[in-house]
Protein backbone atom coordinates (compact mmCIF):
# COMPACT_ATOMS: atom_id res chain seq x y z
CA PRO A 1 14.82 -77.25 171.19
CA VAL A 2 16.75 -74.20 172.53
CA SER A 3 16.97 -70.63 170.63
CA LEU A 4 19.31 -69.70 167.87
CA SER A 5 21.03 -66.59 169.82
CA SER A 6 24.32 -66.24 170.12
CA GLY A 7 24.01 -67.89 174.44
CA GLY A 8 21.60 -70.41 172.91
CA LEU A 9 24.26 -73.64 171.94
CA ASP A 10 26.19 -72.58 175.64
CA VAL A 11 23.34 -73.11 177.38
CA ALA A 12 22.11 -76.72 175.38
CA TYR A 13 26.07 -77.85 176.03
CA GLN A 14 24.98 -76.73 180.38
CA MET A 15 21.86 -78.21 180.32
CA GLY A 16 23.09 -81.42 178.70
CA ASP A 17 20.77 -80.77 175.45
CA PRO A 18 20.98 -83.84 173.14
CA ASN A 19 19.03 -82.14 170.37
CA VAL A 20 22.03 -81.90 167.99
CA SER A 21 20.16 -80.71 165.55
CA THR A 22 20.15 -77.33 166.94
CA PHE A 23 24.17 -77.23 166.62
CA LEU A 24 23.68 -78.36 162.63
CA ARG A 25 21.31 -75.60 162.03
CA HIS A 26 23.31 -72.93 164.43
CA LEU A 27 26.21 -73.76 162.80
CA GLN A 28 24.47 -73.90 158.85
CA ASN A 29 23.36 -70.81 159.78
CA ASP A 30 26.20 -68.50 161.49
CA PHE A 31 29.38 -70.45 161.16
CA ASN A 32 31.89 -68.55 163.51
CA SER A 33 34.69 -69.26 166.56
CA LEU A 34 31.76 -68.84 169.01
CA HIS A 35 30.24 -71.79 167.40
CA CYS A 36 32.81 -74.01 166.75
CA ARG A 37 34.06 -74.32 170.37
CA GLN A 38 30.76 -74.65 171.46
CA PHE A 39 30.24 -77.52 169.21
CA GLY A 40 33.52 -78.97 170.21
CA ASN A 41 32.88 -78.90 173.82
CA PHE A 42 29.25 -80.56 172.94
CA LEU A 43 31.08 -83.57 170.91
CA LYS A 44 34.00 -83.65 173.22
CA ASN A 45 31.43 -84.01 176.80
CA SER A 46 28.67 -86.23 175.06
CA LEU A 47 31.83 -88.60 173.09
CA ARG A 48 33.17 -89.03 176.17
CA ASN A 49 30.27 -90.11 178.40
CA ALA A 50 29.76 -92.22 175.61
CA SER A 51 25.88 -90.78 175.28
CA ALA A 52 24.07 -93.69 172.79
CA GLN A 53 21.38 -90.91 172.67
CA VAL A 54 23.73 -87.84 171.47
CA VAL A 55 25.56 -90.42 168.60
CA ASN A 56 22.39 -91.81 167.34
CA ALA A 57 21.29 -88.11 167.08
CA ILE A 58 24.77 -87.27 164.77
CA LEU A 59 24.11 -90.05 163.28
CA GLU A 60 20.81 -89.18 161.74
CA HIS A 61 22.44 -86.03 160.57
CA LEU A 62 26.25 -87.01 159.82
CA ASP A 63 26.22 -86.54 156.12
CA GLU A 64 24.75 -82.78 156.94
CA PHE A 65 27.83 -82.09 159.61
CA VAL A 66 30.11 -83.30 157.10
CA ALA A 67 29.03 -81.09 154.51
CA VAL A 68 29.33 -78.28 156.99
CA PHE A 69 32.82 -79.30 157.38
CA LYS A 70 33.70 -79.91 153.83
CA SER A 71 32.34 -76.38 152.25
CA ASN A 72 34.22 -74.46 154.99
CA ALA A 73 37.44 -76.46 155.00
CA ARG A 74 37.44 -76.06 150.76
CA LEU A 75 36.86 -72.19 151.54
CA ALA A 76 39.70 -72.03 154.00
CA ILE A 77 41.82 -73.51 151.16
CA LYS A 78 40.40 -71.52 148.38
CA THR A 79 41.64 -68.09 150.47
CA TYR A 80 45.18 -69.89 150.78
CA GLU A 81 45.40 -70.36 147.79
CA SER A 82 44.57 -66.91 146.18
CA GLY A 83 47.28 -65.75 148.38
CA LYS A 84 45.11 -64.24 151.59
CA LYS A 85 44.84 -65.45 155.02
CA PRO A 86 41.65 -67.29 156.33
CA ASP A 87 40.47 -66.65 159.72
CA GLU A 88 42.10 -69.35 160.98
CA ASP A 89 40.88 -68.91 164.60
CA VAL A 90 37.83 -69.85 163.36
CA LEU A 91 39.79 -73.00 161.31
CA SER A 92 41.42 -73.87 164.30
CA ARG A 93 37.93 -74.27 166.21
CA MET A 94 36.76 -76.07 163.77
CA LEU A 95 39.35 -78.60 163.45
CA GLN A 96 39.48 -79.42 166.79
CA ALA A 97 35.77 -79.60 167.27
CA TYR A 98 35.43 -82.29 164.10
CA GLY A 99 38.53 -84.05 165.89
CA TYR A 100 36.17 -85.39 167.96
CA LEU A 101 33.71 -86.60 165.57
CA PHE A 102 35.80 -88.22 163.14
CA HIS A 103 38.08 -90.00 166.27
CA SER A 104 34.58 -91.77 167.68
CA SER A 105 34.72 -95.13 166.92
CA ARG A 106 31.00 -95.26 167.17
CA ILE A 107 31.01 -92.11 163.91
CA ALA A 108 33.90 -92.79 162.03
CA PRO A 109 32.92 -95.66 160.13
CA SER A 110 29.70 -94.36 158.96
CA ILE A 111 30.83 -91.59 156.92
CA GLN A 112 30.18 -92.13 152.75
CA ALA A 113 33.37 -93.79 151.21
CA GLY A 114 33.74 -90.67 149.10
CA ASP A 115 33.08 -88.03 152.15
CA SER A 116 36.34 -89.82 154.43
CA GLY A 117 38.46 -89.51 150.73
CA GLU A 118 37.11 -85.86 150.08
CA ILE A 119 38.17 -85.06 154.19
CA VAL A 120 41.26 -86.58 153.80
CA THR A 121 42.40 -85.02 151.02
CA LEU A 122 41.15 -81.39 152.11
CA LEU A 123 43.14 -81.80 155.52
CA CYS A 124 46.40 -82.22 153.67
CA SER A 125 45.82 -79.60 151.96
CA ILE A 126 45.33 -77.03 154.62
CA ILE A 127 48.52 -78.96 156.34
CA THR A 128 50.60 -77.87 153.73
CA LEU A 129 49.55 -74.56 152.85
CA THR A 130 48.92 -73.24 156.50
CA LYS A 131 51.58 -70.65 157.91
CA TYR A 132 49.65 -70.31 161.54
CA LYS A 133 51.49 -73.55 163.96
CA ASN A 134 48.11 -73.81 165.72
CA VAL A 135 46.40 -74.30 162.77
CA CYS A 136 48.97 -76.81 160.76
CA SER A 137 49.01 -78.74 164.65
CA ARG A 138 45.24 -79.13 164.65
CA ALA A 139 45.20 -80.42 161.28
CA VAL A 140 47.68 -82.84 161.66
CA TRP A 141 45.85 -83.96 164.78
CA VAL A 142 42.40 -84.29 162.73
CA LEU A 143 44.37 -85.80 159.78
CA GLY A 144 45.37 -88.69 162.53
CA THR A 145 41.95 -89.33 163.83
CA CYS A 146 40.54 -90.39 160.28
CA SER A 147 43.12 -93.60 160.27
CA SER A 148 39.34 -94.63 162.47
CA PHE A 149 38.24 -94.30 158.76
CA SER A 150 37.63 -97.32 156.83
CA ALA A 151 41.26 -98.96 155.84
CA ALA A 152 39.98 -99.46 152.16
CA PHE A 153 39.42 -95.85 152.18
CA LEU A 154 42.50 -94.26 153.17
CA ASP A 155 45.02 -96.57 151.02
CA PRO A 156 44.56 -94.74 148.05
CA HIS A 157 45.02 -91.50 149.89
CA SER A 158 48.36 -92.53 151.56
CA THR A 159 50.84 -91.15 149.27
CA ALA A 160 49.44 -87.51 150.08
CA ILE A 161 49.19 -88.88 153.57
CA VAL A 162 52.44 -89.32 153.98
CA ALA A 163 53.28 -85.98 151.38
CA ALA A 164 51.39 -84.02 154.05
CA LEU A 165 52.76 -85.17 157.05
CA SER A 166 56.73 -85.20 155.33
CA SER A 167 56.05 -81.08 154.54
CA VAL A 168 55.39 -80.39 158.12
CA THR A 169 59.29 -81.77 159.32
CA GLU A 170 60.46 -79.95 156.45
CA ASN A 171 58.76 -76.91 157.33
CA ASP A 172 61.61 -74.56 159.03
CA SER A 173 59.46 -71.68 159.99
CA PHE A 174 57.60 -74.04 162.49
CA ASN A 175 61.02 -75.78 164.24
CA SER A 176 58.57 -77.32 166.90
CA ASP A 177 59.27 -79.98 168.95
CA SER A 178 55.73 -80.33 169.53
CA LEU A 179 54.54 -80.05 166.32
CA VAL A 180 56.69 -82.94 165.29
CA HIS A 181 55.31 -85.29 168.39
CA VAL A 182 52.02 -84.95 166.42
CA VAL A 183 52.86 -85.44 163.37
CA LEU A 184 54.96 -88.79 164.28
CA THR A 185 51.72 -89.55 166.30
CA SER A 186 50.02 -89.09 163.44
CA LEU A 187 52.18 -91.40 161.48
CA GLY A 188 51.79 -93.85 163.74
CA ARG A 189 48.06 -94.17 163.54
CA PHE A 190 48.17 -94.92 160.02
CA LEU A 191 50.98 -97.27 160.20
CA PRO A 192 48.77 -100.82 161.27
CA ARG A 193 45.84 -99.53 159.19
CA CYS A 194 47.07 -98.67 155.68
CA SER A 195 48.36 -101.75 153.65
CA SER A 196 49.76 -99.47 150.83
CA PHE A 197 52.49 -97.99 153.81
CA PRO A 198 55.18 -100.55 152.87
CA ALA A 199 54.87 -99.87 148.89
CA ILE A 200 55.84 -96.19 149.74
CA SER A 201 58.48 -96.71 152.62
CA HIS A 202 61.19 -94.38 150.86
CA LEU A 203 58.99 -91.50 151.90
CA TRP A 204 58.25 -92.17 155.69
CA VAL A 205 60.48 -94.34 157.06
CA VAL A 206 63.63 -91.89 157.12
CA HIS A 207 61.81 -89.35 159.13
CA LEU A 208 62.03 -92.00 161.52
CA TYR A 209 65.66 -92.67 161.74
CA ARG A 210 66.09 -89.11 161.68
CA TYR A 211 63.89 -88.09 164.45
CA MET A 212 65.63 -90.76 166.92
CA LEU A 213 68.32 -88.64 167.11
CA CYS A 214 66.38 -85.46 167.90
CA ASP A 215 67.63 -83.37 171.01
CA ASN A 216 64.25 -84.05 172.44
CA ALA A 217 64.12 -86.70 174.66
CA LYS A 218 60.33 -87.32 173.86
CA VAL A 219 60.19 -87.15 170.47
CA ARG A 220 63.40 -89.34 170.27
CA ASN A 221 61.56 -92.20 172.17
CA LEU A 222 58.40 -91.54 170.07
CA ALA A 223 60.48 -92.25 166.60
CA LYS A 224 62.11 -95.32 168.37
CA ASP A 225 58.61 -96.65 169.14
CA LEU A 226 57.38 -95.94 165.37
CA MET A 227 60.68 -97.36 163.94
CA GLU A 228 60.39 -100.92 165.88
CA MET A 229 56.58 -101.10 164.97
CA ALA A 230 57.82 -100.40 161.41
CA LEU A 231 60.84 -102.66 161.12
CA PRO A 232 58.53 -105.84 159.97
CA ARG A 233 56.44 -104.31 157.66
CA VAL A 234 59.77 -102.72 155.62
CA TYR A 235 62.33 -105.06 156.60
CA PRO A 236 63.70 -106.19 154.12
CA PRO A 237 64.00 -102.81 152.59
CA THR A 238 63.31 -101.76 149.03
CA ALA A 239 65.87 -101.29 146.66
CA LYS A 240 64.34 -98.07 146.58
CA LEU A 241 64.69 -96.88 150.09
CA SER A 242 68.28 -98.45 150.81
CA GLN A 243 69.61 -95.81 148.25
CA ILE A 244 67.56 -93.41 149.90
CA VAL A 245 69.16 -93.95 153.12
CA MET A 246 72.86 -94.45 151.91
CA LYS A 247 72.44 -90.79 150.30
CA ASP A 248 70.73 -89.69 153.55
CA VAL A 249 74.02 -91.15 155.86
CA LYS A 250 76.67 -88.67 154.34
CA ASP A 251 74.42 -85.75 155.59
CA LEU A 252 73.73 -87.22 158.99
CA LEU A 253 77.78 -87.73 159.80
CA PRO A 254 77.67 -84.62 161.81
CA THR A 255 74.51 -85.23 163.68
CA PHE A 256 76.97 -88.51 164.56
CA LYS A 257 79.32 -86.81 165.42
CA ARG A 258 78.02 -84.90 168.13
CA PHE A 259 76.13 -87.12 169.56
CA LYS A 260 79.05 -89.22 169.93
CA GLU A 261 80.84 -86.12 171.32
CA GLU A 262 78.32 -85.05 173.48
CA HIS A 263 76.53 -88.42 175.10
CA THR A 264 76.60 -88.92 179.16
CA SER A 265 74.66 -91.75 181.31
CA ALA A 266 71.98 -88.52 182.01
CA ASN A 267 70.93 -86.97 178.39
CA GLY A 268 70.62 -90.81 176.44
CA LEU A 269 72.60 -89.47 173.71
CA GLY A 270 74.53 -92.75 172.78
CA GLU A 271 71.87 -94.97 172.79
CA ALA A 272 70.06 -92.71 170.72
CA LEU A 273 72.75 -92.49 168.67
CA MET A 274 73.25 -96.44 168.39
CA ALA A 275 69.70 -97.25 168.33
CA ALA A 276 69.72 -94.87 165.10
CA TRP A 277 72.83 -96.25 163.81
CA GLY A 278 71.23 -99.88 163.85
CA TYR A 279 68.44 -99.27 162.30
CA ILE A 280 69.89 -97.51 159.12
CA VAL A 281 72.16 -100.20 158.76
CA LEU A 282 69.39 -102.90 158.97
CA LEU A 283 67.35 -99.95 155.98
CA LEU A 284 70.43 -100.02 154.02
CA GLY A 285 70.32 -103.81 153.29
CA ARG A 286 73.55 -105.49 151.29
CA LEU A 287 74.24 -102.15 150.59
CA ALA A 288 75.78 -101.49 154.21
CA ILE A 289 78.21 -104.38 152.96
CA ASP A 290 78.49 -104.19 149.40
CA THR A 291 79.14 -100.32 148.75
CA PRO A 292 83.03 -99.64 148.44
CA GLY A 293 84.16 -97.57 151.62
CA LEU A 294 80.06 -97.30 153.41
CA LEU A 295 80.77 -99.86 155.78
CA ASN A 296 84.08 -98.26 157.10
CA THR A 297 81.72 -94.75 157.21
CA LEU A 298 79.56 -96.70 159.12
CA LEU A 299 81.85 -98.86 161.35
CA ASN A 300 83.38 -95.02 162.24
CA ILE A 301 80.42 -94.15 163.91
CA CYS A 302 80.57 -96.52 166.70
CA GLU A 303 84.37 -97.08 167.13
CA ASN A 304 84.59 -95.31 170.58
CA THR A 305 80.99 -96.37 171.98
CA PHE A 306 81.97 -100.40 172.17
CA ILE A 307 84.27 -98.63 175.11
CA SER A 308 81.66 -95.72 176.47
CA PRO A 309 81.99 -94.86 179.61
CA VAL A 310 78.37 -94.95 179.58
CA PRO A 311 77.07 -98.30 179.99
CA GLY A 312 74.11 -98.10 178.53
CA THR A 313 75.46 -96.80 175.62
CA ARG A 314 77.39 -100.09 175.27
CA CYS A 315 74.59 -102.09 175.83
CA GLU A 316 72.61 -100.30 172.54
CA THR A 317 75.82 -100.33 170.50
CA PHE A 318 75.74 -104.19 171.08
CA HIS A 319 72.15 -103.85 169.88
CA ALA A 320 73.34 -102.00 166.98
CA TRP A 321 75.85 -104.63 166.49
CA LYS A 322 73.09 -107.16 166.18
CA LYS A 323 71.58 -105.53 163.40
CA LEU A 324 74.64 -105.26 161.30
CA VAL A 325 74.80 -109.30 161.73
CA GLN A 326 71.49 -109.41 160.35
CA CYS A 327 73.44 -107.83 156.88
CA PHE A 328 75.66 -110.26 157.32
CA ALA A 329 72.92 -113.60 157.31
CA ASP A 330 72.59 -113.01 153.75
CA LEU A 331 76.38 -112.94 153.18
CA ALA A 332 76.79 -116.44 154.81
CA SER A 333 73.38 -118.22 152.92
CA ASP A 334 76.06 -116.91 150.05
CA GLY A 335 79.47 -118.58 151.58
CA LYS A 336 80.90 -115.16 150.92
CA VAL A 337 81.66 -114.57 155.13
CA THR A 338 85.26 -114.62 155.09
CA ALA A 339 87.57 -115.10 158.41
CA LYS A 340 88.65 -111.29 157.68
CA LYS A 341 84.56 -110.43 158.28
CA ILE A 342 84.09 -112.58 161.21
CA ASP A 343 87.56 -110.95 163.21
CA LEU A 344 85.87 -107.95 162.47
CA LEU A 345 82.87 -108.27 164.03
CA MET A 346 84.22 -110.50 166.87
CA LYS A 347 86.61 -107.51 168.35
CA PRO A 348 83.61 -105.77 170.32
CA ILE A 349 82.72 -108.80 172.09
CA MET A 350 86.35 -109.73 172.62
CA ILE A 351 86.78 -106.11 174.66
CA THR A 352 84.28 -106.74 176.71
CA PHE A 353 85.61 -109.88 178.04
CA VAL A 354 89.45 -109.17 177.69
CA PRO A 355 88.75 -105.66 179.09
CA ASP A 356 91.58 -102.72 179.88
CA GLU A 357 92.20 -102.45 183.35
CA SER A 358 90.51 -98.90 183.31
CA HIS A 359 87.81 -100.38 181.85
CA GLU A 360 84.31 -100.79 183.91
CA ARG A 361 83.14 -104.12 184.42
CA GLU A 362 78.90 -103.65 183.73
CA MET A 363 76.90 -106.77 184.04
CA SER A 364 74.04 -105.89 181.99
CA VAL A 365 76.85 -104.91 179.18
CA GLN A 366 78.42 -108.70 179.37
CA LEU A 367 74.90 -109.80 178.39
CA ALA A 368 74.43 -107.43 176.26
CA ALA A 369 76.99 -108.89 174.60
CA LEU A 370 76.50 -112.25 174.86
CA ASP A 371 72.87 -111.55 172.94
CA TRP A 372 74.74 -110.61 170.59
CA TRP A 373 77.37 -113.19 170.12
CA MET A 374 74.43 -115.75 170.28
CA ASP A 375 72.57 -113.94 167.56
CA PHE A 376 75.73 -114.00 165.40
CA TYR A 377 76.76 -117.69 165.97
CA SER A 378 72.90 -118.75 165.38
CA VAL A 379 73.03 -116.37 161.67
CA LEU A 380 76.34 -118.25 160.73
CA GLY A 381 74.89 -122.00 162.23
CA LYS A 382 72.06 -121.97 159.79
CA ASP A 383 74.12 -123.48 157.59
CA PRO A 384 75.64 -127.44 159.68
CA SER A 385 78.70 -126.67 157.79
CA TYR A 386 79.07 -123.12 158.52
CA MET A 387 78.85 -124.07 162.35
CA VAL A 388 81.51 -126.19 162.22
CA ASP A 389 83.85 -124.40 160.39
CA ASN A 390 83.04 -120.99 162.59
CA PHE A 391 83.62 -122.95 165.93
CA GLU A 392 86.87 -121.97 166.61
CA ALA A 393 86.72 -118.55 165.48
CA VAL A 394 83.40 -117.29 166.84
CA ILE A 395 82.63 -120.06 170.19
CA VAL A 396 86.39 -120.65 171.32
CA PRO A 397 87.42 -117.26 171.86
CA VAL A 398 84.89 -116.05 174.20
CA VAL A 399 84.74 -119.56 176.24
CA ASN A 400 88.64 -118.69 176.43
CA ALA A 401 88.34 -115.21 177.40
CA ILE A 402 85.88 -115.43 179.94
CA LEU A 403 88.16 -118.73 180.93
CA ASP A 404 91.37 -116.98 181.53
CA SER A 405 90.75 -113.21 182.06
CA GLY A 406 91.04 -113.69 186.19
CA VAL A 407 87.60 -111.96 186.18
CA VAL A 408 84.92 -113.26 188.48
CA TYR A 409 81.62 -113.58 186.17
CA GLY A 410 78.22 -113.54 187.92
CA PRO A 411 75.85 -116.80 187.12
CA GLU A 412 73.57 -114.60 184.72
CA VAL A 413 77.07 -114.66 182.18
CA THR A 414 77.95 -117.93 183.20
CA SER A 415 74.19 -119.49 182.84
CA LYS A 416 73.61 -117.64 179.44
CA VAL A 417 76.71 -119.22 178.48
CA ALA A 418 75.84 -122.78 179.58
CA THR A 419 72.33 -122.54 178.13
CA PHE A 420 73.32 -121.34 174.89
CA LEU A 421 76.27 -124.17 174.68
CA SER A 422 74.09 -126.66 175.87
CA ILE A 423 71.57 -126.06 173.16
CA LEU A 424 74.15 -125.89 170.72
CA MET A 425 75.03 -129.36 172.20
CA THR A 426 71.65 -130.91 171.10
CA PRO A 427 70.88 -133.72 168.81
CA THR A 428 69.19 -131.28 166.14
CA ARG A 429 72.25 -128.98 166.34
CA SER A 430 75.07 -131.18 166.82
CA ALA A 431 74.60 -133.92 164.98
CA SER A 432 78.11 -133.66 162.94
CA ARG A 433 80.47 -135.71 164.07
CA ALA A 434 83.15 -132.90 163.74
CA LEU A 435 81.13 -130.15 166.11
CA ASN A 436 81.09 -132.88 168.81
CA LYS A 437 84.39 -132.71 168.33
CA LYS A 438 85.01 -129.91 168.66
CA PHE A 439 82.59 -129.07 172.08
CA SER A 440 85.20 -132.31 173.26
CA ALA A 441 87.77 -129.71 173.12
CA ILE A 442 85.93 -127.55 175.62
CA SER A 443 84.34 -130.09 177.89
CA GLU A 444 88.30 -131.63 178.47
CA ARG A 445 89.29 -128.09 179.53
CA LEU A 446 86.59 -127.92 182.18
CA ARG A 447 87.16 -131.49 183.45
CA HIS A 448 90.88 -130.84 183.53
CA GLY A 449 91.02 -127.22 183.97
CA ALA A 450 92.59 -125.11 186.51
CA GLU A 451 89.66 -122.86 187.13
CA LEU A 452 87.75 -124.84 189.24
CA PRO A 453 90.09 -125.74 191.70
CA LYS A 454 91.03 -122.44 191.63
CA ALA A 455 87.60 -121.01 192.78
CA ILE A 456 87.28 -123.48 195.45
CA GLN A 457 90.40 -123.04 197.14
CA THR A 458 89.33 -119.31 197.17
CA ILE A 459 86.37 -119.49 199.09
CA PRO A 460 86.70 -118.20 202.66
CA ASP A 461 85.82 -121.29 205.43
CA LEU A 462 82.45 -120.71 206.53
CA ASN A 463 82.80 -122.39 209.45
CA ALA A 464 85.31 -120.37 211.05
CA THR A 465 82.94 -118.65 213.57
CA SER A 466 83.50 -117.37 216.88
CA GLN A 467 80.60 -119.04 218.10
CA GLY A 468 80.49 -122.08 215.25
CA SER A 469 77.33 -120.60 213.49
CA ILE A 470 76.95 -120.03 210.35
CA GLU A 471 77.50 -116.81 208.71
CA TYR A 472 77.71 -115.98 205.12
CA ASP A 473 80.31 -113.60 204.20
CA ALA A 474 79.38 -111.13 201.15
CA ARG A 475 82.83 -111.40 199.99
CA SER A 476 82.90 -115.42 199.25
CA SER A 477 79.85 -114.91 196.72
CA PRO A 478 81.34 -114.01 193.72
CA ILE A 479 83.45 -116.92 193.92
CA LEU A 480 80.14 -118.79 194.57
CA VAL A 481 78.30 -117.76 191.85
CA HIS A 482 80.82 -118.58 189.40
CA TYR A 483 81.67 -121.83 190.85
CA MET A 484 78.39 -122.52 190.00
CA GLY A 485 78.14 -121.17 186.90
CA TRP A 486 81.17 -122.78 185.05
CA LEU A 487 79.70 -126.22 187.15
CA LYS A 488 76.83 -125.90 185.80
CA LEU A 489 78.55 -125.50 182.05
CA TYR A 490 80.20 -128.90 182.72
CA LEU A 491 77.75 -130.64 183.22
CA ASN A 492 76.00 -129.56 180.47
CA MET A 493 78.98 -130.72 178.46
CA PRO A 494 79.32 -133.64 175.70
CA TYR A 495 81.69 -135.87 178.39
CA TRP A 496 79.35 -135.82 181.12
CA LYS A 497 76.50 -136.14 178.96
CA GLU A 498 78.13 -139.70 178.20
CA GLN A 499 78.40 -141.40 181.39
CA LYS A 500 76.50 -143.56 181.78
CA LEU A 501 73.43 -143.77 184.84
CA ASN A 502 73.40 -146.99 186.85
CA ARG A 503 71.60 -147.13 189.41
CA SER A 504 72.82 -149.97 191.42
CA ASP A 505 76.43 -148.42 190.98
CA GLY A 506 75.64 -145.11 191.54
CA LEU A 507 76.75 -142.08 189.21
CA LYS A 508 80.17 -142.34 187.76
CA MET A 509 81.64 -139.25 187.76
CA PRO A 510 85.25 -138.97 186.51
CA GLN A 511 87.90 -138.56 189.53
CA GLU A 512 88.86 -134.82 189.33
CA PHE A 513 85.47 -133.82 189.80
CA LEU A 514 84.94 -136.03 193.00
CA ASP A 515 88.02 -134.67 194.17
CA LEU A 516 86.16 -130.59 193.64
CA TRP A 517 83.24 -131.76 195.37
CA VAL A 518 84.83 -133.53 198.58
CA SER A 519 86.74 -130.24 198.73
CA LEU A 520 84.31 -128.40 199.46
CA LEU A 521 82.20 -130.70 201.64
CA ALA A 522 85.71 -130.38 203.66
CA ALA A 523 86.11 -126.71 203.62
CA ASN A 524 82.26 -125.84 204.40
CA ALA A 525 80.43 -129.04 205.62
CA ASN A 526 78.06 -127.18 207.79
CA PHE A 527 77.26 -125.12 205.41
CA VAL A 528 77.09 -127.26 202.50
CA LEU A 529 74.90 -129.84 204.85
CA ASN A 530 73.08 -126.88 206.96
CA TYR A 531 71.84 -125.04 203.78
CA SER A 532 68.28 -125.55 204.22
CA GLU A 533 68.27 -123.63 207.40
CA LEU A 534 69.83 -120.82 206.25
CA GLU A 535 67.96 -117.54 205.65
CA LEU A 536 69.49 -117.28 202.06
CA SER A 537 67.07 -114.66 200.47
CA GLN A 538 68.62 -112.04 203.65
CA LYS A 539 72.02 -113.19 202.68
CA LEU A 540 71.84 -113.25 198.85
CA ASP A 541 69.79 -111.87 195.99
CA SER A 542 66.84 -113.99 195.60
CA GLU A 543 67.77 -115.46 192.25
CA THR A 544 71.33 -116.71 193.50
CA ALA A 545 69.87 -117.90 196.55
CA LYS A 546 67.65 -120.21 194.35
CA SER A 547 70.75 -120.87 192.44
CA TYR A 548 72.83 -121.39 195.17
CA GLN A 549 70.53 -123.84 197.07
CA ALA A 550 69.36 -126.37 193.65
CA LEU A 551 72.85 -126.96 193.00
CA ILE A 552 73.88 -127.72 196.79
CA ARG A 553 70.48 -129.85 196.87
CA TYR A 554 71.03 -131.60 193.38
CA LEU A 555 74.67 -132.37 194.19
CA TRP A 556 74.27 -133.42 197.83
CA ASP A 557 71.60 -136.18 196.62
CA ASN A 558 73.34 -137.54 193.60
CA PHE A 559 76.84 -137.86 194.51
CA SER A 560 76.76 -137.40 198.61
CA SER A 561 77.47 -140.97 199.13
CA ARG A 562 79.74 -141.51 196.68
CA CYS A 563 81.82 -138.56 197.74
CA LEU A 564 81.86 -139.54 201.29
């Protein structure tokens, strides 16, 4: 063992002395800032290097190390309660050193049940009593490391843990984003460990969506991640939580307004606003729909975000709008979704697909809108009768808007629509004859409609080159992918699915379809016949190239003999 002089511990640390008892005796005999720092450095490096010799030595004296922590923590608390100020530098150093000790997965499980509970209690007291930011931050961090303790020992202290962390966020004298980040990090460590947290969700969930509206992006993002992690454990919300959130909405209105007015593509405030809005709607539960005036208040917050100049804000608004649909899910099961409410929820997607002249069209926004649309109809489609009753109000307007808008949509949009409709047409989803009839109406429109001939007529002649070689005109890409998407959708329609396949006679196709295919072949024969020789990956994006190649190969292999 090295000597117990004030420099002895530094020598022990530098030499890698594994004699842990040296540190213990020194801390017991002369507890000060220097010795706490030396002990902390020793633990940090030894535990980081996974020194089995050091860990075993600490475990041998663990009860004594814990006793040192408890006695000095009690002394600091007693000093605070007497109105005096303890040596907060020593306290801060002690917290840092013991944070490394409690965080070790090889040491923490060995702390006795009574000790672990008292450690948590002492840390909570220090957090609520101290006025020194550095001490508070380290105490919060150490409390978070205590999540390594046995979950059975932590659960009885869940309320005290949440109360201590909440006291930091409510202490205006700190006013520190970095401290809030430490608080949220510690809270996040307890979420998966404490089974009692959902029962007290009304005490801590509100902090998550509030800090989703923080000006600091790092804090906002962490709060959002924690909210996403916590949601499965707190949804559906308890009545107490919903009541608290409802009262909180009024207090947050000025923040909502500021974020809505100041958001740009650079600051991310619009996305943060709508992300928080969506979670608030979920946490309100049925209160969002049943409370007079509350729904209008919520809708006023997002009335302009659907037409925001920032695409990310519009996307996040649709993601939030999906959460409002979840609230409607309960109403749908009760048979209370009225046509008026459906029209209200459908307005944003109609704006997206029938845009104003000045409205910028973004693929990401269109896809987010379609994701919402599919979720909404799936909610209504849980009951077969609702699927039929709401088909005209939910499905037909979107399909018609896409066909009639005169806008050429990319393959991602048309493929998503086609895939969704084909799922709805599977036997398990479309057992109702009434629903089949409604799908047949769309099928007839695509079979006889003018959109496919119009698309083909606008495809440039890809053979018209000076040297007769095959060249690809990038301007034709939107027309081609638009045609492909709706062609795939057409092939999924009931009319085509009902056609009989006879190998001896070939495929029986509607004459209109054959005429369209012949037109494409006649206009661009070399392009079609030699598609495999084209380096499409250099001419188109990879997904479009694969899609185009697959479509041409399928059609040529199956229909060329009949067409020609």
